[in-house]
Amino acid sequence: MQAIKFIEQNTISPYKEMLAYETLWALKNIKEKKLTEYFNSYTPSETLKEISSQSQSNLFLSNDFSVQITDKVNEFLDTLLKNNSK
Protein backbone atom coordinates (compact mmCIF):
# COMPACT_ATOMS: atom_id res chain seq x y z
CA MET A 1 0.00 0.00 0.00
CA GLN A 2 2.85 2.43 0.68
CA ALA A 3 4.08 1.99 -2.90
CA ILE A 4 0.65 2.91 -4.30
CA LYS A 5 0.44 5.96 -2.05
CA PHE A 6 3.94 7.01 -3.12
CA ILE A 7 3.05 6.65 -6.81
CA GLU A 8 -0.20 8.59 -6.39
CA GLN A 9 1.60 11.44 -4.62
CA ASN A 10 4.48 11.60 -7.10
CA THR A 11 2.72 11.08 -10.41
CA ILE A 12 2.49 14.11 -12.67
CA SER A 13 -0.91 14.55 -14.29
CA PRO A 14 -0.56 15.96 -17.83
CA TYR A 15 -4.06 17.44 -17.59
CA LYS A 16 -3.32 19.10 -14.23
CA GLU A 17 -0.08 20.55 -15.62
CA MET A 18 -1.80 21.78 -18.78
CA LEU A 19 -4.50 23.40 -16.64
CA ALA A 20 -1.92 25.13 -14.44
CA TYR A 21 0.11 26.24 -17.48
CA GLU A 22 -2.90 27.80 -19.19
CA THR A 23 -4.00 29.41 -15.92
CA LEU A 24 -0.58 31.00 -15.47
CA TRP A 25 -0.73 32.51 -18.94
CA ALA A 26 -4.24 33.82 -18.23
CA LEU A 27 -3.05 35.79 -15.20
CA LYS A 28 -2.69 39.44 -16.19
CA ASN A 29 0.18 40.53 -13.94
CA ILE A 30 2.60 37.73 -14.74
CA LYS A 31 5.49 38.55 -17.05
CA GLU A 32 6.92 36.03 -19.49
CA LYS A 33 10.42 36.42 -18.00
CA LYS A 34 9.14 35.60 -14.50
CA LEU A 35 7.32 32.49 -15.74
CA THR A 36 10.45 31.35 -17.55
CA GLU A 37 12.42 31.66 -14.32
CA TYR A 38 9.85 29.56 -12.47
CA PHE A 39 9.60 26.94 -15.23
CA ASN A 40 13.35 26.36 -14.94
CA SER A 41 12.80 25.00 -11.41
CA TYR A 42 9.13 24.08 -11.06
CA THR A 43 6.33 22.32 -12.91
CA PRO A 44 3.43 24.59 -13.95
CA SER A 45 1.29 23.39 -11.01
CA GLU A 46 4.13 24.06 -8.55
CA THR A 47 4.64 27.48 -10.16
CA LEU A 48 0.97 28.35 -9.75
CA LYS A 49 1.06 27.35 -6.06
CA GLU A 50 4.28 29.30 -5.51
CA ILE A 51 3.03 32.46 -7.19
CA SER A 52 -0.31 32.27 -5.36
CA SER A 53 1.34 31.78 -1.97
CA GLN A 54 3.77 34.68 -2.52
CA SER A 55 1.08 37.07 -3.69
CA GLN A 56 -1.79 36.78 -1.23
CA SER A 57 -2.07 40.58 -0.98
CA ASN A 58 -2.33 41.04 -4.74
CA LEU A 59 -5.92 40.57 -5.98
CA PHE A 60 -4.82 39.35 -9.41
CA LEU A 61 -2.52 36.70 -8.00
CA SER A 62 -4.40 35.74 -4.86
CA ASN A 63 -5.35 32.09 -4.41
CA ASP A 64 -9.07 32.83 -4.79
CA PHE A 65 -8.52 34.68 -8.04
CA SER A 66 -6.24 31.98 -9.48
CA VAL A 67 -8.88 29.38 -8.53
CA GLN A 68 -11.49 31.38 -10.46
CA ILE A 69 -9.22 31.52 -13.51
CA THR A 70 -8.37 27.84 -13.14
CA ASP A 71 -12.09 27.00 -13.15
CA LYS A 72 -12.62 29.00 -16.34
CA VAL A 73 -9.59 27.42 -18.03
CA ASN A 74 -10.81 23.98 -16.95
CA GLU A 75 -14.22 24.61 -18.53
CA PHE A 76 -12.54 25.79 -21.72
CA LEU A 77 -10.24 22.76 -21.90
CA ASP A 78 -13.15 20.40 -21.22
CA THR A 79 -15.05 22.00 -24.11
CA LEU A 80 -12.04 21.57 -26.41
CA LEU A 81 -11.58 17.94 -25.40
CA LYS A 82 -15.28 17.17 -25.95
CA ASN A 83 -15.27 18.85 -29.38
CA ASN A 84 -12.12 16.99 -30.46
CA SER A 85 -13.43 13.61 -29.33
CA LYS A 86 -16.40 13.71 -31.71
C-alpha atoms as a PDB file:
ATOM      1  CA  MET A   1       0.000   0.000   0.000  1.00  0.00           C
ATOM      2  CA  GLN A   2       2.852   2.425   0.678  1.00  0.00           C
ATOM      3  CA  ALA A   3       4.078   1.987  -2.900  1.00  0.00           C
ATOM      4  CA  ILE A   4       0.648   2.907  -4.304  1.00  0.00           C
ATOM      5  CA  LYS A   5       0.444   5.964  -2.049  1.00  0.00           C
ATOM      6  CA  PHE A   6       3.942   7.009  -3.124  1.00  0.00           C
ATOM      7  CA  ILE A   7       3.047   6.650  -6.811  1.00  0.00           C
ATOM      8  CA  GLU A   8      -0.201   8.594  -6.390  1.00  0.00           C
ATOM      9  CA  GLN A   9       1.604  11.440  -4.618  1.00  0.00           C
ATOM     10  CA  ASN A  10       4.478  11.595  -7.103  1.00  0.00           C
ATOM     11  CA  THR A  11       2.721  11.085 -10.411  1.00  0.00           C
ATOM     12  CA  ILE A  12       2.486  14.110 -12.669  1.00  0.00           C
ATOM     13  CA  SER A  13      -0.907  14.553 -14.289  1.00  0.00           C
ATOM     14  CA  PRO A  14      -0.564  15.957 -17.830  1.00  0.00           C
ATOM     15  CA  TYR A  15      -4.062  17.442 -17.585  1.00  0.00           C
ATOM     16  CA  LYS A  16      -3.316  19.100 -14.235  1.00  0.00           C
ATOM     17  CA  GLU A  17      -0.080  20.550 -15.624  1.00  0.00           C
ATOM     18  CA  MET A  18      -1.804  21.782 -18.785  1.00  0.00           C
ATOM     19  CA  LEU A  19      -4.499  23.396 -16.643  1.00  0.00           C
ATOM     20  CA  ALA A  20      -1.919  25.128 -14.439  1.00  0.00           C
ATOM     21  CA  TYR A  21       0.109  26.236 -17.476  1.00  0.00           C
ATOM     22  CA  GLU A  22      -2.899  27.803 -19.185  1.00  0.00           C
ATOM     23  CA  THR A  23      -3.997  29.405 -15.921  1.00  0.00           C
ATOM     24  CA  LEU A  24      -0.584  30.997 -15.470  1.00  0.00           C
ATOM     25  CA  TRP A  25      -0.731  32.512 -18.939  1.00  0.00           C
ATOM     26  CA  ALA A  26      -4.243  33.817 -18.232  1.00  0.00           C
ATOM     27  CA  LEU A  27      -3.051  35.790 -15.198  1.00  0.00           C
ATOM     28  CA  LYS A  28      -2.688  39.443 -16.192  1.00  0.00           C
ATOM     29  CA  ASN A  29       0.183  40.535 -13.943  1.00  0.00           C
ATOM     30  CA  ILE A  30       2.598  37.733 -14.735  1.00  0.00           C
ATOM     31  CA  LYS A  31       5.485  38.547 -17.052  1.00  0.00           C
ATOM     32  CA  GLU A  32       6.924  36.026 -19.492  1.00  0.00           C
ATOM     33  CA  LYS A  33      10.419  36.419 -17.996  1.00  0.00           C
ATOM     34  CA  LYS A  34       9.136  35.603 -14.496  1.00  0.00           C
ATOM     35  CA  LEU A  35       7.318  32.488 -15.742  1.00  0.00           C
ATOM     36  CA  THR A  36      10.451  31.348 -17.553  1.00  0.00           C
ATOM     37  CA  GLU A  37      12.418  31.661 -14.323  1.00  0.00           C
ATOM     38  CA  TYR A  38       9.845  29.560 -12.467  1.00  0.00           C
ATOM     39  CA  PHE A  39       9.600  26.940 -15.226  1.00  0.00           C
ATOM     40  CA  ASN A  40      13.355  26.363 -14.941  1.00  0.00           C
ATOM     41  CA  SER A  41      12.803  25.003 -11.414  1.00  0.00           C
ATOM     42  CA  TYR A  42       9.126  24.078 -11.060  1.00  0.00           C
ATOM     43  CA  THR A  43       6.333  22.320 -12.912  1.00  0.00           C
ATOM     44  CA  PRO A  44       3.434  24.591 -13.949  1.00  0.00           C
ATOM     45  CA  SER A  45       1.290  23.391 -11.015  1.00  0.00           C
ATOM     46  CA  GLU A  46       4.127  24.059  -8.550  1.00  0.00           C
ATOM     47  CA  THR A  47       4.644  27.484 -10.155  1.00  0.00           C
ATOM     48  CA  LEU A  48       0.967  28.352  -9.747  1.00  0.00           C
ATOM     49  CA  LYS A  49       1.057  27.349  -6.064  1.00  0.00           C
ATOM     50  CA  GLU A  50       4.283  29.296  -5.513  1.00  0.00           C
ATOM     51  CA  ILE A  51       3.026  32.464  -7.189  1.00  0.00           C
ATOM     52  CA  SER A  52      -0.310  32.267  -5.358  1.00  0.00           C
ATOM     53  CA  SER A  53       1.344  31.776  -1.971  1.00  0.00           C
ATOM     54  CA  GLN A  54       3.766  34.680  -2.522  1.00  0.00           C
ATOM     55  CA  SER A  55       1.080  37.075  -3.690  1.00  0.00           C
ATOM     56  CA  GLN A  56      -1.794  36.778  -1.227  1.00  0.00           C
ATOM     57  CA  SER A  57      -2.067  40.576  -0.977  1.00  0.00           C
ATOM     58  CA  ASN A  58      -2.325  41.039  -4.738  1.00  0.00           C
ATOM     59  CA  LEU A  59      -5.915  40.571  -5.984  1.00  0.00           C
ATOM     60  CA  PHE A  60      -4.816  39.346  -9.405  1.00  0.00           C
ATOM     61  CA  LEU A  61      -2.522  36.700  -7.996  1.00  0.00           C
ATOM     62  CA  SER A  62      -4.404  35.737  -4.863  1.00  0.00           C
ATOM     63  CA  ASN A  63      -5.346  32.094  -4.415  1.00  0.00           C
ATOM     64  CA  ASP A  64      -9.073  32.834  -4.791  1.00  0.00           C
ATOM     65  CA  PHE A  65      -8.516  34.681  -8.041  1.00  0.00           C
ATOM     66  CA  SER A  66      -6.239  31.976  -9.476  1.00  0.00           C
ATOM     67  CA  VAL A  67      -8.882  29.381  -8.529  1.00  0.00           C
ATOM     68  CA  GLN A  68     -11.485  31.376 -10.464  1.00  0.00           C
ATOM     69  CA  ILE A  69      -9.224  31.523 -13.507  1.00  0.00           C
ATOM     70  CA  THR A  70      -8.374  27.837 -13.144  1.00  0.00           C
ATOM     71  CA  ASP A  71     -12.090  27.003 -13.154  1.00  0.00           C
ATOM     72  CA  LYS A  72     -12.623  28.998 -16.345  1.00  0.00           C
ATOM     73  CA  VAL A  73      -9.589  27.424 -18.028  1.00  0.00           C
ATOM     74  CA  ASN A  74     -10.814  23.978 -16.946  1.00  0.00           C
ATOM     75  CA  GLU A  75     -14.222  24.615 -18.528  1.00  0.00           C
ATOM     76  CA  PHE A  76     -12.535  25.790 -21.722  1.00  0.00           C
ATOM     77  CA  LEU A  77     -10.237  22.756 -21.896  1.00  0.00           C
ATOM     78  CA  ASP A  78     -13.148  20.399 -21.223  1.00  0.00           C
ATOM     79  CA  THR A  79     -15.048  21.997 -24.109  1.00  0.00           C
ATOM     80  CA  LEU A  80     -12.039  21.567 -26.409  1.00  0.00           C
ATOM     81  CA  LEU A  81     -11.584  17.943 -25.403  1.00  0.00           C
ATOM     82  CA  LYS A  82     -15.275  17.174 -25.948  1.00  0.00           C
ATOM     83  CA  ASN A  83     -15.267  18.848 -29.375  1.00  0.00           C
ATOM     84  CA  ASN A  84     -12.124  16.987 -30.460  1.00  0.00           C
ATOM     85  CA  SER A  85     -13.429  13.607 -29.326  1.00  0.00           C
ATOM     86  CA  LYS A  86     -16.403  13.709 -31.709  1.00  0.00           C
END
